Protein backbone atom coordinates (compact mmCIF):
# COMPACT_ATOMS: atom_id res chain seq x y z
CA MET A 1 -17.82 45.17 1.90
CA GLY A 2 -18.16 47.40 4.91
CA LYS A 3 -17.09 50.89 5.76
CA TYR A 4 -13.33 50.37 5.73
CA GLN A 5 -11.38 51.83 2.84
CA TYR A 6 -8.04 50.28 3.79
CA VAL A 7 -7.42 46.59 4.45
CA LEU A 8 -4.17 45.15 5.80
CA LEU A 9 -3.50 41.52 4.96
CA ASP A 10 -0.93 39.33 6.66
CA TRP A 11 1.05 37.01 4.43
CA ASP A 12 1.93 34.07 6.67
CA GLY A 13 -1.12 32.12 7.71
CA ASN A 14 -3.56 34.60 6.17
CA LEU A 15 -2.96 34.55 2.43
CA ALA A 16 -0.21 31.95 2.15
CA LYS A 17 -0.08 28.49 3.72
CA THR A 18 3.37 28.92 5.22
CA LEU A 19 2.82 27.52 8.71
CA ASP A 20 3.86 23.98 7.76
CA VAL A 21 6.99 25.30 6.06
CA TRP A 22 8.08 27.23 9.14
CA LEU A 23 7.24 24.37 11.51
CA GLU A 24 9.36 21.99 9.45
CA ALA A 25 12.16 24.54 8.96
CA VAL A 26 12.45 24.91 12.74
CA ARG A 27 11.81 21.24 13.56
CA ILE A 28 14.63 19.80 11.44
CA PRO A 29 17.56 21.82 12.86
CA LEU A 30 16.25 21.28 16.40
CA ALA A 31 15.76 17.54 15.92
CA LYS A 32 19.29 17.32 14.48
CA ARG A 33 20.47 18.77 17.81
CA GLY A 34 18.38 16.39 19.92
CA PHE A 35 15.37 18.62 20.56
CA ASN A 36 12.05 17.06 19.58
CA LEU A 37 9.32 19.62 20.05
CA SER A 38 5.60 19.58 19.35
CA ASP A 39 4.08 21.95 16.81
CA ILE A 40 2.78 24.10 19.67
CA GLU A 41 6.22 24.31 21.28
CA ILE A 42 7.77 25.27 17.94
CA ALA A 43 5.07 27.86 17.25
CA GLU A 44 5.88 29.50 20.57
CA CYS A 45 9.32 30.32 19.10
CA PHE A 46 7.86 32.15 16.08
CA GLY A 47 8.89 35.76 16.07
CA ALA A 48 11.64 35.12 18.61
CA VAL A 49 13.57 32.17 17.22
CA ARG A 50 16.94 33.17 18.65
CA THR A 51 15.47 33.57 22.14
CA GLY A 52 13.58 30.29 21.82
CA PHE A 53 16.73 28.45 20.76
CA GLU A 54 18.66 30.04 23.64
CA GLU A 55 16.01 28.97 26.15
CA LEU A 56 16.15 25.41 24.81
CA GLY A 57 19.91 25.34 25.21
CA VAL A 58 20.92 25.22 21.56
CA THR A 59 24.66 25.89 21.60
CA ASP A 60 25.22 26.70 17.91
CA ILE A 61 22.32 29.12 17.44
CA ASP A 62 23.69 30.93 14.39
CA GLU A 63 24.24 27.65 12.54
CA ALA A 64 20.78 26.37 13.52
CA ILE A 65 19.13 29.58 12.32
CA THR A 66 21.07 29.45 9.06
CA GLU A 67 19.86 25.87 8.52
CA MET A 68 16.31 26.95 9.33
CA ASP A 69 16.45 29.82 6.84
CA GLU A 70 17.96 27.63 4.11
CA LEU A 71 15.30 24.95 4.61
CA ALA A 72 12.50 27.51 4.51
CA GLU A 73 13.90 29.15 1.40
CA LYS A 74 13.89 25.76 -0.38
CA MET A 75 10.30 24.99 0.65
CA LEU A 76 8.66 28.41 0.28
CA PRO A 77 8.49 28.45 -3.54
CA ASN A 78 6.06 25.51 -3.30
CA VAL A 79 3.68 27.25 -0.89
CA ASP A 80 0.05 27.48 -1.90
CA LEU A 81 -2.31 30.31 -1.19
CA TYR A 82 -5.37 29.61 0.91
CA PRO A 83 -8.30 28.56 -1.30
CA ASP A 84 -10.19 31.85 -1.01
CA ALA A 85 -7.18 34.19 -1.03
CA LEU A 86 -7.44 35.16 -4.69
CA TYR A 87 -11.21 35.57 -4.41
CA VAL A 88 -10.83 37.88 -1.40
CA LEU A 89 -8.23 39.98 -3.20
CA GLU A 90 -10.45 40.23 -6.28
CA GLU A 91 -13.45 41.25 -4.18
CA LEU A 92 -11.44 43.89 -2.35
CA LYS A 93 -10.22 45.29 -5.65
CA ALA A 94 -13.74 45.26 -7.13
CA ALA A 95 -14.96 47.14 -4.05
CA ASP A 96 -12.22 49.73 -4.63
CA LYS A 97 -10.56 48.96 -1.30
CA GLN A 98 -6.93 49.91 -0.77
CA THR A 99 -4.91 46.91 0.37
CA ALA A 100 -1.48 46.44 1.86
CA LEU A 101 0.48 43.33 2.65
CA ILE A 102 2.18 43.09 6.03
CA THR A 103 4.64 40.40 7.01
CA THR A 104 7.79 39.63 8.91
CA SER A 105 8.85 37.28 6.11
CA TRP A 106 11.78 38.10 3.91
CA ARG A 107 10.81 40.33 1.04
CA LYS A 108 12.53 38.19 -1.61
CA ASN A 109 10.56 35.11 -0.56
CA VAL A 110 7.23 36.93 -0.57
CA LEU A 111 7.85 38.68 -3.89
CA ARG A 112 8.69 35.37 -5.53
CA LEU A 113 5.28 33.99 -4.54
CA LEU A 114 3.41 37.18 -5.36
CA ASP A 115 4.86 36.86 -8.86
CA LYS A 116 4.06 33.14 -9.02
CA TYR A 117 0.40 33.88 -8.34
CA ASP A 118 0.43 37.13 -10.35
CA ILE A 119 -0.74 39.22 -7.41
CA ARG A 120 2.16 41.61 -6.94
């Protein structure tokens, strides 16, 4: 298990399969406003959605972001963990490693899934 005592794990795209949720949550409000972007173009907005929407020319950014957040919140409870996520967590625990979860996702959404998978 290596020499590291502490392991930081990212939630989105590392433990939880959230990429498709976020792609769709961004795609729908943009498409509704006439912007049809590829997955790569949408992914470039991750972490800076407001700026990305501004650069595209979205005129009602607050409404678009609200729609995005509402769509994501509806889809996130159905997110699966990656197939080996639970195994990795169990192995880290068995090896007495200290773990921490890092994410830019909303706490309430993450906690809901941590509880669903009994890994809080």
